Each structure stands twice: as C-alpha cells, then as structure tokens.
PDB file of N, CA and C in Angstrom:
ATOM      1  N   MET A   1       1.060  -1.238   0.349  1.00  0.00           N
ATOM      2  CA  MET A   1      -0.106   0.083   0.360  1.00  0.00           C
ATOM      3  C   MET A   1       1.246   1.758  -0.323  1.00  0.00           C
ATOM      4  N   PRO A   2       0.604   2.582  -1.030  1.00  0.00           N
ATOM      5  CA  PRO A   2       1.688   3.683  -0.650  1.00  0.00           C
ATOM      6  C   PRO A   2       1.334   4.124   0.478  1.00  0.00           C
ATOM      7  N   SER A   3       2.420   5.017   0.683  1.00  0.00           N
ATOM      8  CA  SER A   3       2.270   5.709   1.706  1.00  0.00           C
ATOM      9  C   SER A   3       1.776   6.687   1.480  1.00  0.00           C
ATOM     10  N   THR A   4       0.974   7.651   2.310  1.00  0.00           N
ATOM     11  CA  THR A   4       0.232   8.796   2.506  1.00  0.00           C
ATOM     12  C   THR A   4       1.139   9.897   3.167  1.00  0.00           C
ATOM     13  N   THR A   5       1.592   9.364   3.759  1.00  0.00           N
ATOM     14  CA  THR A   5       2.583  10.456   4.690  1.00  0.00           C
ATOM     15  C   THR A   5       3.679  10.970   3.854  1.00  0.00           C
ATOM     16  N   PRO A   6       3.751  12.442   3.079  1.00  0.00           N
ATOM     17  CA  PRO A   6       4.462  12.934   2.080  1.00  0.00           C
ATOM     18  C   PRO A   6       6.236  12.511   2.892  1.00  0.00           C
ATOM     19  N   PRO A   7       6.968  12.178   1.544  1.00  0.00           N
ATOM     20  CA  PRO A   7       8.591  11.839   2.004  1.00  0.00           C
ATOM     21  C   PRO A   7       9.025  13.216   2.227  1.00  0.00           C
ATOM     22  N   PRO A   8      10.297  12.561   3.645  1.00  0.00           N
ATOM     23  CA  PRO A   8      11.204  14.144   3.888  1.00  0.00           C
ATOM     24  C   PRO A   8      12.081  14.153   2.272  1.00  0.00           C
ATOM     25  N   PRO A   9      12.029  15.707   2.299  1.00  0.00           N
ATOM     26  CA  PRO A   9      12.758  16.064   1.993  1.00  0.00           C
ATOM     27  C   PRO A   9      14.234  15.812   1.362  1.00  0.00           C
ATOM     28  N   CYS A  10      14.816  15.748   0.194  1.00  0.00           N
ATOM     29  CA  CYS A  10      16.215  15.315  -0.029  1.00  0.00           C
ATOM     30  C   CYS A  10      16.872  16.717   0.055  1.00  0.00           C
ATOM     31  N   PRO A  11      17.557  15.899   0.907  1.00  0.00           N
ATOM     32  CA  PRO A  11      18.527  16.888   1.537  1.00  0.00           C
ATOM     33  C   PRO A  11      19.881  17.930   0.452  1.00  0.00           C
ATOM     34  N   HIS A  12      19.708  16.826  -0.903  1.00  0.00           N
ATOM     35  CA  HIS A  12      20.438  17.580  -1.789  1.00  0.00           C
ATOM     36  C   HIS A  12      19.227  18.509  -2.604  1.00  0.00           C
ATOM     37  N   CYS A  13      18.405  18.815  -2.509  1.00  0.00           N
ATOM     38  CA  CYS A  13      17.336  19.073  -3.432  1.00  0.00           C
ATOM     39  C   CYS A  13      16.399  20.744  -2.328  1.00  0.00           C
ATOM     40  N   SER A  14      16.165  21.345  -2.611  1.00  0.00           N
ATOM     41  CA  SER A  14      15.577  22.091  -2.026  1.00  0.00           C
ATOM     42  C   SER A  14      14.311  22.346  -1.529  1.00  0.00           C
ATOM     43  N   SER A  15      13.704  22.999  -0.427  1.00  0.00           N
ATOM     44  CA  SER A  15      11.977  22.959  -0.093  1.00  0.00           C
ATOM     45  C   SER A  15      11.388  22.758  -1.522  1.00  0.00           C
ATOM     46  N   SER A  16      11.163  23.041  -2.391  1.00  0.00           N
ATOM     47  CA  SER A  16      10.737  22.402  -3.481  1.00  0.00           C
ATOM     48  C   SER A  16      10.912  21.225  -4.450  1.00  0.00           C
ATOM     49  N   PRO A  17       9.884  20.725  -4.355  1.00  0.00           N
ATOM     50  CA  PRO A  17      10.480  19.183  -5.364  1.00  0.00           C
ATOM     51  C   PRO A  17      10.469  19.890  -7.029  1.00  0.00           C
ATOM     52  N   LYS A  18      10.389  20.876  -7.331  1.00  0.00           N
ATOM     53  CA  LYS A  18      10.646  21.521  -8.569  1.00  0.00           C
ATOM     54  C   LYS A  18      11.694  21.966  -8.692  1.00  0.00           C
ATOM     55  N   THR A  19      12.877  21.765  -7.858  1.00  0.00           N
ATOM     56  CA  THR A  19      14.495  22.590  -7.689  1.00  0.00           C
ATOM     57  C   THR A  19      15.201  22.234  -7.471  1.00  0.00           C
ATOM     58  N   LYS A  20      16.353  22.348  -7.034  1.00  0.00           N
ATOM     59  CA  LYS A  20      17.504  21.121  -6.978  1.00  0.00           C
ATOM     60  C   LYS A  20      18.801  22.138  -6.379  1.00  0.00           C
ATOM     61  N   SER A  21      19.568  22.310  -5.622  1.00  0.00           N
ATOM     62  CA  SER A  21      20.941  22.942  -5.591  1.00  0.00           C
ATOM     63  C   SER A  21      21.882  22.429  -6.360  1.00  0.00           C
ATOM     64  N   ARG A  22      22.909  22.854  -6.252  1.00  0.00           N
ATOM     65  CA  ARG A  22      23.809  22.135  -7.320  1.00  0.00           C
ATOM     66  C   ARG A  22      25.081  22.668  -7.086  1.00  0.00           C
ATOM     67  N   THR A  23      25.978  22.222  -6.837  1.00  0.00           N
ATOM     68  CA  THR A  23      27.472  22.650  -6.336  1.00  0.00           C
ATOM     69  C   THR A  23      27.925  23.705  -7.367  1.00  0.00           C
ATOM     70  N   ASP A  24      28.852  24.404  -7.472  1.00  0.00           N
ATOM     71  CA  ASP A  24      29.245  25.246  -8.441  1.00  0.00           C
ATOM     72  C   ASP A  24      29.784  24.029  -9.354  1.00  0.00           C
ATOM     73  N   ASP A  25      30.535  23.184  -9.246  1.00  0.00           N
ATOM     74  CA  ASP A  25      31.121  22.424 -10.241  1.00  0.00           C
ATOM     75  C   ASP A  25      30.252  21.708 -10.858  1.00  0.00           C
ATOM     76  N   GLU A  26      28.900  21.264 -10.820  1.00  0.00           N
ATOM     77  CA  GLU A  26      28.246  21.000 -11.111  1.00  0.00           C
ATOM     78  C   GLU A  26      27.611  21.608 -12.106  1.00  0.00           C
ATOM     79  N   LYS A  27      27.647  22.824 -11.365  1.00  0.00           N
ATOM     80  CA  LYS A  27      26.548  23.700 -12.652  1.00  0.00           C
ATOM     81  C   LYS A  27      27.616  24.412 -13.278  1.00  0.00           C
ATOM     82  N   LYS A  28      28.755  24.591 -13.391  1.00  0.00           N
ATOM     83  CA  LYS A  28      30.044  25.048 -14.225  1.00  0.00           C
ATOM     84  C   LYS A  28      30.233  24.343 -15.529  1.00  0.00           C
ATOM     85  N   SER A  29      30.326  22.485 -15.034  1.00  0.00           N
ATOM     86  CA  SER A  29      30.210  21.450 -16.141  1.00  0.00           C
ATOM     87  C   SER A  29      28.577  21.781 -17.005  1.00  0.00           C
ATOM     88  N   LEU A  30      27.807  21.726 -16.208  1.00  0.00           N
ATOM     89  CA  LEU A  30      26.584  21.255 -17.566  1.00  0.00           C
ATOM     90  C   LEU A  30      26.617  22.657 -17.904  1.00  0.00           C
ATOM     91  N   ILE A  31      27.250  23.950 -17.542  1.00  0.00           N
ATOM     92  CA  ILE A  31      26.603  25.165 -18.177  1.00  0.00           C
ATOM     93  C   ILE A  31      28.011  24.458 -19.272  1.00  0.00           C
ATOM     94  N   HIS A  32      29.072  24.158 -19.471  1.00  0.00           N
ATOM     95  CA  HIS A  32      29.885  24.416 -20.295  1.00  0.00           C
ATOM     96  C   HIS A  32      29.412  23.180 -21.411  1.00  0.00           C
ATOM     97  N   ARG A  33      28.593  21.856 -20.887  1.00  0.00           N
ATOM     98  CA  ARG A  33      28.537  21.486 -22.000  1.00  0.00           C
ATOM     99  C   ARG A  33      27.259  22.053 -22.687  1.00  0.00           C
ATOM    100  N   LEU A  34      26.493  23.238 -22.161  1.00  0.00           N
ATOM    101  CA  LEU A  34      25.061  23.567 -22.958  1.00  0.00           C
ATOM    102  C   LEU A  34      26.071  24.580 -24.023  1.00  0.00           C
ATOM    103  N   ASN A  35      26.760  25.415 -23.222  1.00  0.00           N
ATOM    104  CA  ASN A  35      27.580  26.144 -24.351  1.00  0.00           C
ATOM    105  C   ASN A  35      28.444  25.277 -25.667  1.00  0.00           C
ATOM    106  N   ARG A  36      28.714  24.689 -25.368  1.00  0.00           N
ATOM    107  CA  ARG A  36      29.313  23.453 -26.413  1.00  0.00           C
ATOM    108  C   ARG A  36      28.084  23.072 -27.685  1.00  0.00           C
ATOM    109  N   ILE A  37      26.869  22.365 -27.260  1.00  0.00           N
ATOM    110  CA  ILE A  37      25.665  22.266 -27.548  1.00  0.00           C
ATOM    111  C   ILE A  37      25.309  23.669 -28.345  1.00  0.00           C
ATOM    112  N   GLU A  38      24.976  24.682 -28.051  1.00  0.00           N
ATOM    113  CA  GLU A  38      24.799  25.814 -28.187  1.00  0.00           C
ATOM    114  C   GLU A  38      25.472  26.324 -29.682  1.00  0.00           C
ATOM    115  N   GLY A  39      26.915  26.303 -29.209  1.00  0.00           N
ATOM    116  CA  GLY A  39      27.943  25.835 -30.283  1.00  0.00           C
ATOM    117  C   GLY A  39      27.802  25.464 -31.428  1.00  0.00           C
ATOM    118  N   GLN A  40      27.393  24.367 -31.035  1.00  0.00           N
ATOM    119  CA  GLN A  40      27.254  23.347 -32.468  1.00  0.00           C
ATOM    120  C   GLN A  40      26.203  23.378 -33.524  1.00  0.00           C
ATOM    121  N   ILE A  41      24.714  23.875 -32.206  1.00  0.00           N
ATOM    122  CA  ILE A  41      24.061  24.174 -33.139  1.00  0.00           C
ATOM    123  C   ILE A  41      23.756  25.010 -34.526  1.00  0.00           C
ATOM    124  N   GLY A  42      24.209  26.594 -33.625  1.00  0.00           N
ATOM    125  CA  GLY A  42      24.982  27.639 -34.467  1.00  0.00           C
ATOM    126  C   GLY A  42      25.526  27.382 -35.868  1.00  0.00           C
ATOM    127  N   GLY A  43      26.663  26.321 -35.718  1.00  0.00           N
ATOM    128  CA  GLY A  43      27.337  25.702 -36.830  1.00  0.00           C
ATOM    129  C   GLY A  43      26.193  24.958 -38.041  1.00  0.00           C
ATOM    130  N   LEU A  44      25.178  24.311 -36.873  1.00  0.00           N
ATOM    131  CA  LEU A  44      24.214  23.519 -38.017  1.00  0.00           C
ATOM    132  C   LEU A  44      23.621  24.400 -38.724  1.00  0.00           C
ATOM    133  N   ARG A  45      22.899  26.111 -37.928  1.00  0.00           N
ATOM    134  CA  ARG A  45      22.532  26.975 -38.929  1.00  0.00           C
ATOM    135  C   ARG A  45      23.707  27.476 -40.014  1.00  0.00           C
ATOM    136  N   ARG A  46      24.062  27.514 -39.646  1.00  0.00           N
ATOM    137  CA  ARG A  46      25.216  28.138 -40.488  1.00  0.00           C
ATOM    138  C   ARG A  46      25.678  27.314 -41.913  1.00  0.00           C
ATOM    139  N   MET A  47      25.568  25.896 -41.303  1.00  0.00           N
ATOM    140  CA  MET A  47      25.814  24.665 -41.994  1.00  0.00           C
ATOM    141  C   MET A  47      24.599  24.918 -43.661  1.00  0.00           C
ATOM    142  N   ILE A  48      23.319  25.076 -42.840  1.00  0.00           N
ATOM    143  CA  ILE A  48      22.417  25.820 -43.852  1.00  0.00           C
ATOM    144  C   ILE A  48      21.955  26.562 -44.810  1.00  0.00           C
ATOM    145  N   GLU A  49      22.398  27.874 -43.735  1.00  0.00           N
ATOM    146  CA  GLU A  49      22.313  28.927 -44.785  1.00  0.00           C
ATOM    147  C   GLU A  49      23.141  29.233 -45.473  1.00  0.00           C
ATOM    148  N   GLU A  50      24.825  28.395 -45.673  1.00  0.00           N
ATOM    149  CA  GLU A  50      25.707  28.405 -46.681  1.00  0.00           C
ATOM    150  C   GLU A  50      25.819  27.207 -47.206  1.00  0.00           C
ATOM    151  N   GLU A  51      24.550  26.208 -47.150  1.00  0.00           N
ATOM    152  CA  GLU A  51      24.210  25.206 -48.264  1.00  0.00           C
ATOM    153  C   GLU A  51      24.803  23.811 -48.295  1.00  0.00           C
ATOM    154  N   ALA A  52      25.477  23.867 -47.216  1.00  0.00           N
ATOM    155  CA  ALA A  52      26.477  22.557 -47.186  1.00  0.00           C
ATOM    156  C   ALA A  52      25.541  21.062 -47.356  1.00  0.00           C
ATOM    157  N   TYR A  53      26.868  20.485 -47.614  1.00  0.00           N
ATOM    158  CA  TYR A  53      26.181  19.183 -47.956  1.00  0.00           C
ATOM    159  C   TYR A  53      25.540  18.242 -47.223  1.00  0.00           C
ATOM    160  N   CYS A  54      24.334  17.585 -47.498  1.00  0.00           N
ATOM    161  CA  CYS A  54      23.123  17.083 -46.756  1.00  0.00           C
ATOM    162  C   CYS A  54      23.962  15.985 -46.086  1.00  0.00           C
ATOM    163  N   ALA A  55      25.175  15.065 -46.223  1.00  0.00           N
ATOM    164  CA  ALA A  55      25.896  14.276 -45.482  1.00  0.00           C
ATOM    165  C   ALA A  55      26.812  14.894 -44.245  1.00  0.00           C
ATOM    166  N   ASP A  56      27.192  16.500 -44.704  1.00  0.00           N
ATOM    167  CA  ASP A  56      27.698  17.235 -43.206  1.00  0.00           C
ATOM    168  C   ASP A  56      26.834  17.137 -42.615  1.00  0.00           C
ATOM    169  N   ILE A  57      25.983  18.150 -42.846  1.00  0.00           N
ATOM    170  CA  ILE A  57      24.911  18.074 -42.244  1.00  0.00           C
ATOM    171  C   ILE A  57      24.520  17.393 -41.088  1.00  0.00           C
ATOM    172  N   LEU A  58      24.576  15.869 -41.515  1.00  0.00           N
ATOM    173  CA  LEU A  58      23.617  15.113 -40.857  1.00  0.00           C
ATOM    174  C   LEU A  58      24.934  14.113 -39.863  1.00  0.00           C
ATOM    175  N   THR A  59      26.119  14.712 -40.075  1.00  0.00           N
ATOM    176  CA  THR A  59      26.938  14.309 -39.618  1.00  0.00           C
ATOM    177  C   THR A  59      27.398  15.403 -37.946  1.00  0.00           C
ATOM    178  N   GLN A  60      27.110  16.753 -38.621  1.00  0.00           N
ATOM    179  CA  GLN A  60      26.843  17.396 -37.354  1.00  0.00           C
ATOM    180  C   GLN A  60      25.523  17.371 -36.674  1.00  0.00           C
ATOM    181  N   SER A  61      24.852  17.546 -37.377  1.00  0.00           N
ATOM    182  CA  SER A  61      23.265  16.930 -36.040  1.00  0.00           C
ATOM    183  C   SER A  61      23.516  15.667 -35.404  1.00  0.00           C
ATOM    184  N   SER A  62      24.357  14.650 -35.914  1.00  0.00           N
ATOM    185  CA  SER A  62      24.371  13.718 -34.838  1.00  0.00           C
ATOM    186  C   SER A  62      25.975  13.790 -34.163  1.00  0.00           C
ATOM    187  N   ALA A  63      26.349  14.101 -34.026  1.00  0.00           N
ATOM    188  CA  ALA A  63      27.130  15.146 -33.167  1.00  0.00           C
ATOM    189  C   ALA A  63      26.734  15.964 -31.982  1.00  0.00           C
ATOM    190  N   VAL A  64      25.765  16.660 -32.343  1.00  0.00           N
ATOM    191  CA  VAL A  64      25.018  17.467 -31.673  1.00  0.00           C
ATOM    192  C   VAL A  64      23.803  16.306 -30.707  1.00  0.00           C
ATOM    193  N   SER A  65      23.419  15.728 -31.136  1.00  0.00           N
ATOM    194  CA  SER A  65      22.205  14.774 -30.121  1.00  0.00           C
ATOM    195  C   SER A  65      23.269  13.547 -29.620  1.00  0.00           C
ATOM    196  N   ALA A  66      24.649  13.515 -29.440  1.00  0.00           N
ATOM    197  CA  ALA A  66      25.198  12.968 -28.873  1.00  0.00           C
ATOM    198  C   ALA A  66      25.498  13.518 -27.435  1.00  0.00           C
ATOM    199  N   ALA A  67      26.403  14.970 -27.685  1.00  0.00           N
ATOM    200  CA  ALA A  67      26.591  15.777 -27.240  1.00  0.00           C
ATOM    201  C   ALA A  67      25.044  16.202 -25.631  1.00  0.00           C
ATOM    202  N   LEU A  68      23.747  16.454 -26.145  1.00  0.00           N
ATOM    203  CA  LEU A  68      22.493  16.253 -25.568  1.00  0.00           C
ATOM    204  C   LEU A  68      22.767  15.399 -24.708  1.00  0.00           C
ATOM    205  N   SER A  69      22.524  14.084 -25.420  1.00  0.00           N
ATOM    206  CA  SER A  69      22.412  12.677 -24.822  1.00  0.00           C
ATOM    207  C   SER A  69      23.496  12.853 -23.552  1.00  0.00           C
ATOM    208  N   ALA A  70      24.977  13.408 -23.874  1.00  0.00           N
ATOM    209  CA  ALA A  70      26.093  13.043 -22.710  1.00  0.00           C
ATOM    210  C   ALA A  70      25.191  14.313 -21.431  1.00  0.00           C
ATOM    211  N   PHE A  71      24.614  15.340 -21.957  1.00  0.00           N
ATOM    212  CA  PHE A  71      24.323  16.755 -20.909  1.00  0.00           C
ATOM    213  C   PHE A  71      23.280  15.890 -19.851  1.00  0.00           C
ATOM    214  N   SER A  72      22.034  14.356 -20.850  1.00  0.00           N
ATOM    215  CA  SER A  72      21.064  14.030 -20.438  1.00  0.00           C
ATOM    216  C   SER A  72      21.742  12.898 -19.369  1.00  0.00           C
ATOM    217  N   ARG A  73      22.884  12.344 -19.578  1.00  0.00           N
ATOM    218  CA  ARG A  73      23.466  11.158 -18.716  1.00  0.00           C
ATOM    219  C   ARG A  73      24.021  11.569 -17.683  1.00  0.00           C
ATOM    220  N   GLU A  74      24.979  12.948 -17.839  1.00  0.00           N
ATOM    221  CA  GLU A  74      24.872  13.689 -16.745  1.00  0.00           C
ATOM    222  C   GLU A  74      24.118  14.047 -15.566  1.00  0.00           C
ATOM    223  N   VAL A  75      23.023  15.036 -15.944  1.00  0.00           N
ATOM    224  CA  VAL A  75      21.638  14.756 -14.947  1.00  0.00           C
ATOM    225  C   VAL A  75      21.563  14.150 -14.611  1.00  0.00           C
ATOM    226  N   LEU A  76      20.901  12.771 -15.073  1.00  0.00           N
ATOM    227  CA  LEU A  76      20.666  11.805 -14.592  1.00  0.00           C
ATOM    228  C   LEU A  76      21.483  10.835 -13.778  1.00  0.00           C
ATOM    229  N   ASP A  77      22.975  10.853 -13.656  1.00  0.00           N
ATOM    230  CA  ASP A  77      24.049  10.356 -12.978  1.00  0.00           C
ATOM    231  C   ASP A  77      23.468  11.045 -11.759  1.00  0.00           C
ATOM    232  N   THR A  78      23.712  12.275 -11.857  1.00  0.00           N
ATOM    233  CA  THR A  78      23.614  13.573 -10.866  1.00  0.00           C
ATOM    234  C   THR A  78      22.572  13.358  -9.185  1.00  0.00           C
ATOM    235  N   HIS A  79      21.010  12.889 -10.847  1.00  0.00           N
ATOM    236  CA  HIS A  79      19.747  12.449  -9.840  1.00  0.00           C
ATOM    237  C   HIS A  79      19.628  11.562  -9.029  1.00  0.00           C
ATOM    238  N   ILE A  80      20.161  10.382 -10.095  1.00  0.00           N
ATOM    239  CA  ILE A  80      19.967   9.422  -8.812  1.00  0.00           C
ATOM    240  C   ILE A  80      21.008   8.548  -8.151  1.00  0.00           C
ATOM    241  N   ARG A  81      22.120   9.503  -8.171  1.00  0.00           N
ATOM    242  CA  ARG A  81      23.008   9.368  -6.882  1.00  0.00           C
ATOM    243  C   ARG A  81      23.169  10.704  -6.073  1.00  0.00           C
ATOM    244  N   THR A  82      22.287  11.120  -5.553  1.00  0.00           N
ATOM    245  CA  THR A  82      21.627  12.235  -4.832  1.00  0.00           C
ATOM    246  C   THR A  82      20.093  12.360  -4.221  1.00  0.00           C
ATOM    247  N   CYS A  83      19.497  12.651  -5.536  1.00  0.00           N
ATOM    248  CA  CYS A  83      18.409  12.697  -4.946  1.00  0.00           C
ATOM    249  C   CYS A  83      17.429  11.724  -4.601  1.00  0.00           C
ATOM    250  N   VAL A  84      17.860  10.304  -5.263  1.00  0.00           N
ATOM    251  CA  VAL A  84      16.765   8.912  -5.610  1.00  0.00           C
ATOM    252  C   VAL A  84      17.630   8.394  -4.742  1.00  0.00           C
ATOM    253  N   LYS A  85      19.138   8.394  -4.522  1.00  0.00           N
ATOM    254  CA  LYS A  85      19.331   7.557  -3.502  1.00  0.00           C
ATOM    255  C   LYS A  85      18.996   7.852  -1.499  1.00  0.00           C
ATOM    256  N   GLU A  86      18.568   9.333  -1.430  1.00  0.00           N
ATOM    257  CA  GLU A  86      18.809   9.993  -0.466  1.00  0.00           C
ATOM    258  C   GLU A  86      17.001   9.532   0.013  1.00  0.00           C
ATOM    259  N   ASN A  87      16.603   9.769  -1.044  1.00  0.00           N
ATOM    260  CA  ASN A  87      14.678   9.575  -1.012  1.00  0.00           C
ATOM    261  C   ASN A  87      14.428   8.368  -0.374  1.00  0.00           C
ATOM    262  N   ILE A  88      15.238   7.095  -1.161  1.00  0.00           N
ATOM    263  CA  ILE A  88      15.968   5.891  -0.917  1.00  0.00           C
ATOM    264  C   ILE A  88      15.993   5.522   0.297  1.00  0.00           C
ATOM    265  N   LEU A  89      17.173   6.327   0.887  1.00  0.00           N
ATOM    266  CA  LEU A  89      17.629   5.602   2.091  1.00  0.00           C
ATOM    267  C   LEU A  89      16.850   6.623   3.571  1.00  0.00           C
ATOM    268  N   ALA A  90      15.776   7.504   3.385  1.00  0.00           N
ATOM    269  CA  ALA A  90      14.887   7.857   3.595  1.00  0.00           C
ATOM    270  C   ALA A  90      13.103   6.609   3.795  1.00  0.00           C
ATOM    271  N   GLY A  91      13.647   6.049   3.053  1.00  0.00           N
ATOM    272  CA  GLY A  91      12.039   5.237   2.989  1.00  0.00           C
ATOM    273  C   GLY A  91      11.453   5.537   2.278  1.00  0.00           C
ATOM    274  N   ASN A  92      11.693   6.569   1.437  1.00  0.00           N
ATOM    275  CA  ASN A  92      10.868   6.993   0.512  1.00  0.00           C
ATOM    276  C   ASN A  92      10.429   6.445  -0.969  1.00  0.00           C
ATOM    277  N   ASP A  93      10.607   5.096  -1.304  1.00  0.00           N
ATOM    278  CA  ASP A  93      10.592   4.227  -2.127  1.00  0.00           C
ATOM    279  C   ASP A  93       9.484   5.017  -3.377  1.00  0.00           C
ATOM    280  N   ASP A  94       8.282   5.779  -3.196  1.00  0.00           N
ATOM    281  CA  ASP A  94       8.200   6.538  -4.376  1.00  0.00           C
ATOM    282  C   ASP A  94       8.828   6.837  -5.821  1.00  0.00           C
ATOM    283  N   SER A  95      10.003   7.298  -4.806  1.00  0.00           N
ATOM    284  CA  SER A  95      10.742   7.814  -5.850  1.00  0.00           C
ATOM    285  C   SER A  95      11.945   7.049  -7.131  1.00  0.00           C
ATOM    286  N   ILE A  96      11.395   5.946  -6.425  1.00  0.00           N
ATOM    287  CA  ILE A  96      11.832   4.380  -7.256  1.00  0.00           C
ATOM    288  C   ILE A  96      10.765   5.065  -8.795  1.00  0.00           C
ATOM    289  N   GLU A  97       9.312   5.100  -8.422  1.00  0.00           N
ATOM    290  CA  GLU A  97       8.541   4.966  -9.139  1.00  0.00           C
ATOM    291  C   GLU A  97       8.808   6.073 -10.155  1.00  0.00           C
ATOM    292  N   GLU A  98       8.903   7.259  -9.652  1.00  0.00           N
ATOM    293  CA  GLU A  98       9.231   8.515 -10.643  1.00  0.00           C
ATOM    294  C   GLU A  98      10.459   8.199 -11.880  1.00  0.00           C
ATOM    295  N   LEU A  99      11.714   7.564 -10.968  1.00  0.00           N
ATOM    296  CA  LEU A  99      13.085   7.433 -11.868  1.00  0.00           C
ATOM    297  C   LEU A  99      12.570   6.196 -12.660  1.00  0.00           C
ATOM    298  N   LEU A 100      11.520   5.474 -12.712  1.00  0.00           N
ATOM    299  CA  LEU A 100      11.252   4.794 -13.783  1.00  0.00           C
ATOM    300  C   LEU A 100      10.460   5.039 -14.876  1.00  0.00           C
ATOM    301  N   GLU A 101       9.686   6.323 -14.283  1.00  0.00           N
ATOM    302  CA  GLU A 101       9.011   7.266 -15.424  1.00  0.00           C
ATOM    303  C   GLU A 101       9.596   7.778 -16.256  1.00  0.00           C
ATOM    304  N   LEU A 102      10.668   8.240 -15.470  1.00  0.00           N
ATOM    305  CA  LEU A 102      11.294   9.840 -16.570  1.00  0.00           C
ATOM    306  C   LEU A 102      12.790   8.204 -16.725  1.00  0.00           C
ATOM    307  N   LEU A 103      12.522   6.942 -16.681  1.00  0.00           N
ATOM    308  CA  LEU A 103      13.384   6.889 -17.696  1.00  0.00           C
ATOM    309  C   LEU A 103      12.794   6.388 -18.701  1.00  0.00           C
ATOM    310  N   LYS A 104      11.327   6.440 -18.757  1.00  0.00           N
ATOM    311  CA  LYS A 104      10.421   6.099 -19.832  1.00  0.00           C
ATOM    312  C   LYS A 104      10.761   7.319 -21.197  1.00  0.00           C
ATOM    313  N   LYS A 105      10.469   8.460 -20.449  1.00  0.00           N
ATOM    314  CA  LYS A 105      10.031   9.583 -21.349  1.00  0.00           C
ATOM    315  C   LYS A 105      11.901  10.064 -21.735  1.00  0.00           C
ATOM    316  N   ILE A 106      12.919   9.976 -21.166  1.00  0.00           N
ATOM    317  CA  ILE A 106      14.168   9.697 -21.848  1.00  0.00           C
ATOM    318  C   ILE A 106      14.412   9.156 -22.617  1.00  0.00           C
ATOM    319  N   LYS A 107      14.057   8.286 -22.899  1.00  0.00           N
ATOM    320  CA  LYS A 107      14.518   7.243 -23.676  1.00  0.00           C
ATOM    321  C   LYS A 107      15.826   6.539 -23.278  1.00  0.00           C
TER     322      LYS A 107
END
C-alpha cells in the first residue's frame, strides 16, 4: 500500500520538489556542455545558410544529438546519486517509481 505521508525532503534538493541545489562545479560542468551544444547548433544553422552538403549536416546533427545525450546522462547520474539515493535511504520508495517514469520519457 502506498505511503500517505509526504516523503522527507531530499537534502540535495531545495524545499520545492521542482528545484535542486547544485554545486558550483556541477553548474559549471553542465553550463559548459550546454555552451558547446549551443555552438554546435549555431554551426548547423550556418551550414544550412551556406548550403552545406546534406551528409555533412547530418554528421554535425549526429554530434549535437550525442552531446545532448551526454548532457542528459550527466544530469541523470547526479539525480540518481543524490535525490533518488537519499529518498530511498529515507524510506521514500516513491522515488523509484518516479525514476522509472523518467527513464521512459528520456529513452
């Protein structure tokens, strides 16, 4: 039977379930990845504007997809190691269901 008591807050997350505190190093790493992805997207735009060859555009698009996947994996790794772990240790098994639903969404 599911617990009706609200789970204790994760010590790595703020009081709101929709935000998370991150270390400066974690923020720096994630923002660095996003900046690179942003640059790759700009490169794709320029390739279209300059009428680049289709295969070259597809190669760059594949690189963007791989970079975005790596970004998602980094966020997921941190989520599992902090929020999910702490919630499970605190007896909140609902975080397992949340994680399973999340994994379905991100493929």
